Amino acid sequence: MHFLDKSLISLDVEAKDAQEAIRAAGRLLVDSGAAEDSYVESMLSAFRDKGPYIVVAPQIALPHAKAESGVNEASVSFVRLKRPVAFGHPENDPVKLVFALGSSSSSEHIDLLRRLTTLLNEPANIEALKAAQTAEEIGALLQPSDSEQRDNPIKEESP
């Protein structure tokens, strides 16, 4: 399982619309070998068919699709957009932080969502994700949460 590994993070990405943002986050999964191109297409198709339900909080989108659509290994990628884009959500647009979630089973899906929710429930973490200059800074933010999160919520301060 790969949760926001350095190779799965891309900062200040240019995207003209929601589909480009989803494609950028999905491309990180494909480039790492965690997913196939078909999975990116499935995420785009789910967005077109179901709308902006993936915009789960202000400025945060979580594109995903069914595991059988081409996931090789459970992973979460992260793209921070240079300029926020509209996904069509009435309250949470525009989106700046895009986390593509690829899981190969429902238990992995639930585990990845739990880890991501733990990270994003802390406003200081969201601010740190917006302010980070490098993937390494984001990795440092995640280190304590990886070891503590099974038993404790994140108790970090913004850097």
N, C-alpha and C. Protein backbone atom coordinates (compact mmCIF):
# COMPACT_ATOMS: atom_id res chain seq x y z
N MET A 1 0.85 -1.18 0.00
CA MET A 1 0.00 0.00 0.00
C MET A 1 0.89 1.24 0.00
N HIS A 2 0.52 2.20 -0.84
CA HIS A 2 1.29 3.44 -0.95
C HIS A 2 0.37 4.61 -0.65
N PHE A 3 0.63 5.25 0.47
CA PHE A 3 -0.19 6.38 0.92
C PHE A 3 0.62 7.66 0.80
N LEU A 4 0.38 8.40 -0.27
CA LEU A 4 1.05 9.69 -0.50
C LEU A 4 2.57 9.58 -0.47
N ASP A 5 3.10 8.53 -1.08
CA ASP A 5 4.55 8.43 -1.25
C ASP A 5 5.03 9.62 -2.08
N LYS A 6 6.30 9.94 -1.96
CA LYS A 6 6.86 11.09 -2.67
C LYS A 6 6.59 11.03 -4.18
N SER A 7 6.66 9.84 -4.76
CA SER A 7 6.41 9.70 -6.20
C SER A 7 4.93 9.89 -6.56
N LEU A 8 4.08 9.94 -5.55
CA LEU A 8 2.64 10.10 -5.77
C LEU A 8 2.16 11.51 -5.44
N ILE A 9 3.09 12.47 -5.36
CA ILE A 9 2.76 13.85 -5.02
C ILE A 9 3.25 14.78 -6.13
N SER A 10 2.38 15.68 -6.54
CA SER A 10 2.74 16.69 -7.53
C SER A 10 2.13 18.02 -7.10
N LEU A 11 2.98 19.03 -6.99
CA LEU A 11 2.55 20.33 -6.47
C LEU A 11 2.45 21.38 -7.57
N ASP A 12 1.47 22.26 -7.41
CA ASP A 12 1.25 23.41 -8.30
C ASP A 12 1.07 23.00 -9.76
N VAL A 13 0.19 22.04 -9.95
CA VAL A 13 -0.13 21.50 -11.26
C VAL A 13 -1.12 22.43 -11.96
N GLU A 14 -0.89 22.65 -13.24
CA GLU A 14 -1.81 23.43 -14.06
C GLU A 14 -2.92 22.51 -14.56
N ALA A 15 -4.16 22.91 -14.33
CA ALA A 15 -5.31 22.17 -14.86
C ALA A 15 -6.38 23.20 -15.22
N LYS A 16 -6.93 23.07 -16.40
CA LYS A 16 -7.93 24.06 -16.82
C LYS A 16 -9.33 23.69 -16.34
N ASP A 17 -9.52 22.42 -15.97
CA ASP A 17 -10.84 22.00 -15.51
C ASP A 17 -10.71 20.76 -14.62
N ALA A 18 -11.86 20.30 -14.12
CA ALA A 18 -11.89 19.16 -13.20
C ALA A 18 -11.32 17.90 -13.86
N GLN A 19 -11.63 17.68 -15.12
CA GLN A 19 -11.14 16.47 -15.78
C GLN A 19 -9.62 16.45 -15.88
N GLU A 20 -9.02 17.59 -16.17
CA GLU A 20 -7.55 17.65 -16.20
C GLU A 20 -6.96 17.40 -14.81
N ALA A 21 -7.63 17.91 -13.78
CA ALA A 21 -7.15 17.71 -12.41
C ALA A 21 -7.22 16.22 -12.04
N ILE A 22 -8.32 15.57 -12.38
CA ILE A 22 -8.48 14.13 -12.10
C ILE A 22 -7.43 13.34 -12.88
N ARG A 23 -7.24 13.70 -14.14
CA ARG A 23 -6.26 13.00 -14.98
C ARG A 23 -4.84 13.14 -14.39
N ALA A 24 -4.50 14.33 -13.89
CA ALA A 24 -3.16 14.56 -13.30
C ALA A 24 -2.95 13.67 -12.08
N ALA A 25 -3.96 13.59 -11.21
CA ALA A 25 -3.84 12.75 -10.01
C ALA A 25 -3.79 11.27 -10.40
N GLY A 26 -4.60 10.89 -11.37
CA GLY A 26 -4.60 9.50 -11.84
C GLY A 26 -3.30 9.11 -12.52
N ARG A 27 -2.70 10.05 -13.24
CA ARG A 27 -1.44 9.78 -13.94
C ARG A 27 -0.35 9.40 -12.95
N LEU A 28 -0.36 10.00 -11.76
CA LEU A 28 0.62 9.64 -10.74
C LEU A 28 0.46 8.17 -10.33
N LEU A 29 -0.77 7.70 -10.22
CA LEU A 29 -1.02 6.29 -9.88
C LEU A 29 -0.50 5.38 -11.00
N VAL A 30 -0.76 5.77 -12.24
CA VAL A 30 -0.32 4.97 -13.39
C VAL A 30 1.21 4.96 -13.47
N ASP A 31 1.82 6.12 -13.36
CA ASP A 31 3.28 6.21 -13.48
C ASP A 31 3.99 5.40 -12.40
N SER A 32 3.36 5.25 -11.24
CA SER A 32 3.97 4.48 -10.15
C SER A 32 3.73 2.98 -10.30
N GLY A 33 2.86 2.60 -11.24
CA GLY A 33 2.52 1.20 -11.42
C GLY A 33 1.35 0.73 -10.56
N ALA A 34 0.78 1.63 -9.77
CA ALA A 34 -0.32 1.27 -8.87
C ALA A 34 -1.64 1.06 -9.62
N ALA A 35 -1.76 1.65 -10.81
CA ALA A 35 -3.00 1.55 -11.56
C ALA A 35 -2.69 1.55 -13.06
N GLU A 36 -3.68 1.13 -13.82
CA GLU A 36 -3.59 1.13 -15.28
C GLU A 36 -4.29 2.38 -15.82
N ASP A 37 -4.01 2.70 -17.09
CA ASP A 37 -4.69 3.83 -17.73
C ASP A 37 -6.21 3.69 -17.65
N SER A 38 -6.68 2.46 -17.71
CA SER A 38 -8.13 2.23 -17.67
C SER A 38 -8.74 2.76 -16.37
N TYR A 39 -7.96 2.76 -15.29
CA TYR A 39 -8.47 3.26 -14.02
C TYR A 39 -8.69 4.77 -14.07
N VAL A 40 -7.77 5.48 -14.70
CA VAL A 40 -7.92 6.93 -14.85
C VAL A 40 -9.18 7.23 -15.66
N GLU A 41 -9.38 6.47 -16.73
CA GLU A 41 -10.58 6.66 -17.55
C GLU A 41 -11.84 6.34 -16.75
N SER A 42 -11.78 5.34 -15.88
CA SER A 42 -12.93 5.00 -15.04
C SER A 42 -13.23 6.11 -14.03
N MET A 43 -12.18 6.73 -13.48
CA MET A 43 -12.40 7.86 -12.56
C MET A 43 -13.09 9.01 -13.30
N LEU A 44 -12.61 9.29 -14.51
CA LEU A 44 -13.22 10.37 -15.31
C LEU A 44 -14.66 10.04 -15.66
N SER A 45 -14.92 8.80 -16.01
CA SER A 45 -16.27 8.37 -16.34
C SER A 45 -17.19 8.49 -15.12
N ALA A 46 -16.71 8.08 -13.96
CA ALA A 46 -17.50 8.19 -12.73
C ALA A 46 -17.84 9.65 -12.44
N PHE A 47 -16.87 10.54 -12.66
CA PHE A 47 -17.11 11.97 -12.43
C PHE A 47 -18.16 12.48 -13.42
N ARG A 48 -18.04 12.11 -14.69
CA ARG A 48 -19.02 12.55 -15.69
C ARG A 48 -20.42 12.01 -15.37
N ASP A 49 -20.49 10.76 -14.95
CA ASP A 49 -21.79 10.11 -14.70
C ASP A 49 -22.44 10.54 -13.39
N LYS A 50 -21.63 10.71 -12.35
CA LYS A 50 -22.19 10.94 -11.01
C LYS A 50 -22.03 12.37 -10.51
N GLY A 51 -21.27 13.17 -11.21
CA GLY A 51 -21.12 14.56 -10.81
C GLY A 51 -20.11 14.77 -9.71
N PRO A 52 -20.21 15.93 -9.05
CA PRO A 52 -19.17 16.37 -8.11
C PRO A 52 -19.27 15.78 -6.71
N TYR A 53 -19.87 14.61 -6.55
CA TYR A 53 -19.93 13.98 -5.23
C TYR A 53 -18.53 13.74 -4.65
N ILE A 54 -17.52 13.71 -5.51
CA ILE A 54 -16.14 13.47 -5.05
C ILE A 54 -15.52 14.69 -4.36
N VAL A 55 -16.21 15.84 -4.43
CA VAL A 55 -15.73 17.03 -3.73
C VAL A 55 -16.27 16.93 -2.31
N VAL A 56 -15.43 16.36 -1.43
CA VAL A 56 -15.88 15.92 -0.11
C VAL A 56 -15.81 16.99 0.98
N ALA A 57 -15.11 18.07 0.71
CA ALA A 57 -14.95 19.17 1.66
C ALA A 57 -14.53 20.40 0.87
N PRO A 58 -14.58 21.58 1.48
CA PRO A 58 -14.14 22.76 0.74
C PRO A 58 -12.73 22.58 0.18
N GLN A 59 -12.60 22.76 -1.12
CA GLN A 59 -11.33 22.71 -1.86
C GLN A 59 -10.73 21.32 -1.99
N ILE A 60 -11.44 20.26 -1.59
CA ILE A 60 -10.86 18.91 -1.59
C ILE A 60 -11.71 17.95 -2.42
N ALA A 61 -11.06 17.30 -3.41
CA ALA A 61 -11.74 16.28 -4.22
C ALA A 61 -11.02 14.95 -4.04
N LEU A 62 -11.81 13.88 -4.10
CA LEU A 62 -11.31 12.52 -3.90
C LEU A 62 -11.79 11.62 -5.05
N PRO A 63 -11.21 11.80 -6.25
CA PRO A 63 -11.65 10.94 -7.35
C PRO A 63 -11.24 9.48 -7.12
N HIS A 64 -12.11 8.57 -7.53
CA HIS A 64 -11.84 7.13 -7.42
C HIS A 64 -12.80 6.39 -8.35
N ALA A 65 -12.58 5.11 -8.51
CA ALA A 65 -13.45 4.26 -9.31
C ALA A 65 -13.41 2.86 -8.70
N LYS A 66 -14.13 1.94 -9.31
CA LYS A 66 -14.13 0.56 -8.80
C LYS A 66 -12.79 -0.10 -9.02
N ALA A 67 -12.38 -0.92 -8.07
CA ALA A 67 -11.08 -1.58 -8.11
C ALA A 67 -10.89 -2.39 -9.39
N GLU A 68 -11.94 -3.05 -9.86
CA GLU A 68 -11.79 -3.89 -11.04
C GLU A 68 -11.53 -3.08 -12.31
N SER A 69 -11.52 -1.75 -12.18
CA SER A 69 -11.24 -0.89 -13.32
C SER A 69 -9.76 -0.71 -13.60
N GLY A 70 -8.89 -1.43 -12.89
CA GLY A 70 -7.48 -1.36 -13.22
C GLY A 70 -6.55 -0.95 -12.11
N VAL A 71 -6.86 -1.30 -10.87
CA VAL A 71 -5.95 -1.00 -9.75
C VAL A 71 -5.04 -2.21 -9.53
N ASN A 72 -3.73 -1.96 -9.49
CA ASN A 72 -2.76 -3.01 -9.22
C ASN A 72 -2.37 -3.07 -7.74
N GLU A 73 -2.37 -1.90 -7.11
CA GLU A 73 -1.94 -1.81 -5.71
C GLU A 73 -2.64 -0.63 -5.06
N ALA A 74 -3.09 -0.81 -3.83
CA ALA A 74 -3.77 0.26 -3.11
C ALA A 74 -2.83 1.46 -2.96
N SER A 75 -3.33 2.63 -3.35
CA SER A 75 -2.50 3.84 -3.33
C SER A 75 -3.37 5.08 -3.26
N VAL A 76 -2.78 6.15 -2.75
CA VAL A 76 -3.39 7.47 -2.80
C VAL A 76 -2.35 8.43 -3.35
N SER A 77 -2.74 9.18 -4.39
CA SER A 77 -1.86 10.22 -4.92
C SER A 77 -2.43 11.58 -4.53
N PHE A 78 -1.59 12.60 -4.64
CA PHE A 78 -2.01 13.95 -4.26
C PHE A 78 -1.50 14.95 -5.29
N VAL A 79 -2.42 15.76 -5.79
CA VAL A 79 -2.09 16.86 -6.69
C VAL A 79 -2.62 18.14 -6.06
N ARG A 80 -1.72 19.10 -5.89
CA ARG A 80 -2.15 20.43 -5.47
C ARG A 80 -2.16 21.29 -6.72
N LEU A 81 -3.31 21.85 -7.01
CA LEU A 81 -3.45 22.66 -8.22
C LEU A 81 -2.87 24.06 -8.02
N LYS A 82 -2.24 24.56 -9.08
CA LYS A 82 -1.69 25.92 -9.03
C LYS A 82 -2.81 26.93 -8.85
N ARG A 83 -3.89 26.72 -9.62
CA ARG A 83 -5.08 27.56 -9.50
C ARG A 83 -6.28 26.63 -9.30
N PRO A 84 -7.10 26.90 -8.29
CA PRO A 84 -8.27 26.06 -8.06
C PRO A 84 -9.20 26.02 -9.28
N VAL A 85 -9.87 24.87 -9.46
CA VAL A 85 -10.82 24.73 -10.57
C VAL A 85 -12.18 24.29 -10.04
N ALA A 86 -13.22 24.62 -10.79
CA ALA A 86 -14.58 24.24 -10.42
C ALA A 86 -14.85 22.80 -10.82
N PHE A 87 -15.43 22.05 -9.90
CA PHE A 87 -15.86 20.68 -10.16
C PHE A 87 -17.38 20.63 -10.30
N GLY A 88 -18.05 21.74 -9.99
CA GLY A 88 -19.51 21.78 -10.07
C GLY A 88 -20.22 21.52 -8.75
N HIS A 89 -19.48 21.54 -7.65
CA HIS A 89 -20.09 21.33 -6.34
C HIS A 89 -20.65 22.66 -5.83
N PRO A 90 -21.90 22.67 -5.36
CA PRO A 90 -22.52 23.94 -4.96
C PRO A 90 -21.88 24.63 -3.76
N GLU A 91 -21.26 23.88 -2.85
CA GLU A 91 -20.68 24.51 -1.65
C GLU A 91 -19.17 24.40 -1.55
N ASN A 92 -18.58 23.33 -2.08
CA ASN A 92 -17.16 23.07 -1.83
C ASN A 92 -16.21 23.48 -2.96
N ASP A 93 -16.74 24.02 -4.05
CA ASP A 93 -15.89 24.53 -5.12
C ASP A 93 -15.27 25.86 -4.71
N PRO A 94 -14.17 26.26 -5.32
CA PRO A 94 -13.34 25.49 -6.26
C PRO A 94 -12.40 24.54 -5.52
N VAL A 95 -11.88 23.58 -6.26
CA VAL A 95 -11.00 22.55 -5.69
C VAL A 95 -9.54 22.91 -5.92
N LYS A 96 -8.74 22.76 -4.87
CA LYS A 96 -7.29 22.98 -4.97
C LYS A 96 -6.51 21.71 -4.67
N LEU A 97 -7.05 20.82 -3.82
CA LEU A 97 -6.36 19.61 -3.38
C LEU A 97 -7.10 18.39 -3.94
N VAL A 98 -6.39 17.57 -4.73
CA VAL A 98 -7.00 16.41 -5.37
C VAL A 98 -6.25 15.16 -4.93
N PHE A 99 -6.97 14.23 -4.30
CA PHE A 99 -6.41 12.96 -3.84
C PHE A 99 -7.05 11.83 -4.63
N ALA A 100 -6.30 11.20 -5.53
CA ALA A 100 -6.83 10.05 -6.27
C ALA A 100 -6.63 8.80 -5.44
N LEU A 101 -7.71 8.06 -5.27
CA LEU A 101 -7.69 6.88 -4.41
C LEU A 101 -7.88 5.64 -5.29
N GLY A 102 -6.93 4.74 -5.22
CA GLY A 102 -7.04 3.48 -5.94
C GLY A 102 -6.92 2.33 -4.96
N SER A 103 -7.95 1.48 -4.90
CA SER A 103 -7.88 0.33 -4.00
C SER A 103 -8.32 -0.91 -4.75
N SER A 104 -7.78 -2.05 -4.34
CA SER A 104 -8.10 -3.30 -5.04
C SER A 104 -9.10 -4.15 -4.27
N SER A 105 -9.61 -3.64 -3.14
CA SER A 105 -10.66 -4.34 -2.39
C SER A 105 -11.39 -3.33 -1.54
N SER A 106 -12.59 -3.72 -1.05
CA SER A 106 -13.32 -2.77 -0.20
C SER A 106 -12.62 -2.52 1.11
N SER A 107 -11.93 -3.52 1.66
CA SER A 107 -11.24 -3.28 2.93
C SER A 107 -10.08 -2.30 2.73
N GLU A 108 -9.37 -2.41 1.61
CA GLU A 108 -8.30 -1.44 1.32
C GLU A 108 -8.91 -0.05 1.12
N HIS A 109 -10.04 0.01 0.43
CA HIS A 109 -10.71 1.29 0.18
C HIS A 109 -11.06 1.96 1.51
N ILE A 110 -11.62 1.19 2.43
CA ILE A 110 -12.00 1.73 3.74
C ILE A 110 -10.75 2.17 4.51
N ASP A 111 -9.67 1.38 4.45
CA ASP A 111 -8.44 1.74 5.15
C ASP A 111 -7.85 3.03 4.60
N LEU A 112 -7.80 3.15 3.27
CA LEU A 112 -7.26 4.38 2.67
C LEU A 112 -8.13 5.59 3.02
N LEU A 113 -9.44 5.41 2.96
CA LEU A 113 -10.33 6.52 3.31
C LEU A 113 -10.16 6.92 4.77
N ARG A 114 -9.99 5.95 5.65
CA ARG A 114 -9.78 6.24 7.07
C ARG A 114 -8.50 7.05 7.27
N ARG A 115 -7.44 6.63 6.61
CA ARG A 115 -6.16 7.34 6.74
C ARG A 115 -6.27 8.76 6.20
N LEU A 116 -6.93 8.90 5.06
CA LEU A 116 -7.09 10.21 4.45
C LEU A 116 -7.99 11.11 5.31
N THR A 117 -9.06 10.55 5.84
CA THR A 117 -9.96 11.31 6.71
C THR A 117 -9.23 11.78 7.96
N THR A 118 -8.43 10.91 8.54
CA THR A 118 -7.65 11.28 9.72
C THR A 118 -6.75 12.47 9.40
N LEU A 119 -6.09 12.42 8.26
CA LEU A 119 -5.20 13.51 7.85
C LEU A 119 -5.99 14.80 7.62
N LEU A 120 -7.10 14.70 6.89
CA LEU A 120 -7.83 15.90 6.46
C LEU A 120 -8.77 16.46 7.52
N ASN A 121 -9.04 15.72 8.57
CA ASN A 121 -9.89 16.24 9.64
C ASN A 121 -9.18 17.30 10.48
N GLU A 122 -7.89 17.41 10.33
CA GLU A 122 -7.10 18.38 11.10
C GLU A 122 -6.84 19.61 10.22
N PRO A 123 -7.45 20.76 10.53
CA PRO A 123 -7.25 21.96 9.71
C PRO A 123 -5.78 22.34 9.51
N ALA A 124 -4.94 22.11 10.51
CA ALA A 124 -3.51 22.43 10.37
C ALA A 124 -2.87 21.59 9.27
N ASN A 125 -3.31 20.35 9.11
CA ASN A 125 -2.77 19.51 8.05
C ASN A 125 -3.17 20.02 6.67
N ILE A 126 -4.40 20.48 6.54
CA ILE A 126 -4.85 21.02 5.26
C ILE A 126 -4.04 22.26 4.91
N GLU A 127 -3.83 23.12 5.88
CA GLU A 127 -3.01 24.31 5.64
C GLU A 127 -1.58 23.93 5.26
N ALA A 128 -1.04 22.91 5.90
CA ALA A 128 0.32 22.46 5.57
C ALA A 128 0.37 21.89 4.15
N LEU A 129 -0.66 21.18 3.73
CA LEU A 129 -0.71 20.66 2.36
C LEU A 129 -0.77 21.80 1.35
N LYS A 130 -1.47 22.86 1.68
CA LYS A 130 -1.57 24.03 0.79
C LYS A 130 -0.26 24.80 0.73
N ALA A 131 0.51 24.80 1.84
CA ALA A 131 1.70 25.63 1.93
C ALA A 131 3.00 24.91 1.58
N ALA A 132 3.00 23.60 1.57
CA ALA A 132 4.24 22.84 1.36
C ALA A 132 4.92 23.25 0.06
N GLN A 133 6.24 23.34 0.12
CA GLN A 133 7.03 23.68 -1.06
C GLN A 133 7.52 22.45 -1.81
N THR A 134 7.62 21.32 -1.11
CA THR A 134 8.15 20.11 -1.72
C THR A 134 7.36 18.88 -1.26
N ALA A 135 7.51 17.81 -2.01
CA ALA A 135 6.90 16.53 -1.64
C ALA A 135 7.49 16.03 -0.33
N GLU A 136 8.75 16.34 -0.08
CA GLU A 136 9.40 15.93 1.17
C GLU A 136 8.71 16.56 2.38
N GLU A 137 8.29 17.82 2.25
CA GLU A 137 7.59 18.48 3.37
C GLU A 137 6.28 17.76 3.67
N ILE A 138 5.60 17.32 2.62
CA ILE A 138 4.36 16.59 2.83
C ILE A 138 4.65 15.24 3.45
N GLY A 139 5.71 14.59 3.01
CA GLY A 139 6.12 13.32 3.61
C GLY A 139 6.41 13.47 5.09
N ALA A 140 7.05 14.57 5.49
CA ALA A 140 7.35 14.81 6.89
C ALA A 140 6.06 15.01 7.69
N LEU A 141 5.09 15.63 7.09
CA LEU A 141 3.79 15.82 7.74
C LEU A 141 3.13 14.47 8.00
N LEU A 142 3.32 13.53 7.11
CA LEU A 142 2.67 12.22 7.21
C LEU A 142 3.37 11.25 8.15
N GLN A 143 4.66 11.40 8.37
CA GLN A 143 5.40 10.42 9.15
C GLN A 143 4.78 10.11 10.50
N PRO A 144 4.50 11.10 11.34
CA PRO A 144 3.91 10.77 12.63
C PRO A 144 2.55 10.09 12.49
N SER A 145 1.76 10.53 11.50
CA SER A 145 0.42 9.97 11.36
C SER A 145 0.47 8.50 10.96
N ASP A 146 1.45 8.09 10.19
CA ASP A 146 1.54 6.69 9.79
C ASP A 146 1.76 5.78 10.99
N SER A 147 2.59 6.19 11.93
CA SER A 147 2.88 5.33 13.07
C SER A 147 1.82 5.47 14.17
N GLU A 148 1.21 6.64 14.29
CA GLU A 148 0.27 6.88 15.37
C GLU A 148 -1.18 6.59 15.00
N GLN A 149 -1.51 6.69 13.72
CA GLN A 149 -2.91 6.76 13.35
C GLN A 149 -3.73 5.53 13.68
N ARG A 150 -3.12 4.37 13.84
CA ARG A 150 -3.91 3.20 14.15
C ARG A 150 -4.62 3.35 15.50
N ASP A 151 -3.96 4.05 16.43
CA ASP A 151 -4.53 4.17 17.77
C ASP A 151 -4.89 5.59 18.17
N ASN A 152 -4.23 6.58 17.57
CA ASN A 152 -4.41 7.95 18.01
C ASN A 152 -4.69 8.87 16.84
N PRO A 153 -5.50 9.91 17.06
CA PRO A 153 -5.68 10.90 16.00
C PRO A 153 -4.39 11.74 15.85
N ILE A 154 -4.25 12.38 14.72
CA ILE A 154 -3.10 13.24 14.47
C ILE A 154 -3.14 14.42 15.45
N LYS A 155 -2.00 14.70 16.05
CA LYS A 155 -1.91 15.81 17.01
C LYS A 155 -0.75 16.70 16.62
N GLU A 156 -0.69 17.05 15.32
CA GLU A 156 0.44 17.85 14.85
C GLU A 156 0.04 19.32 14.73
N GLU A 157 1.03 20.16 14.82
CA GLU A 157 0.84 21.57 14.57
C GLU A 157 1.33 21.87 13.17
N SER A 158 0.79 22.89 12.58
CA SER A 158 1.25 23.30 11.24
C SER A 158 2.70 23.76 11.32
N PRO A 159 3.52 23.39 10.34
CA PRO A 159 4.94 23.80 10.39
C PRO A 159 5.12 25.29 10.28
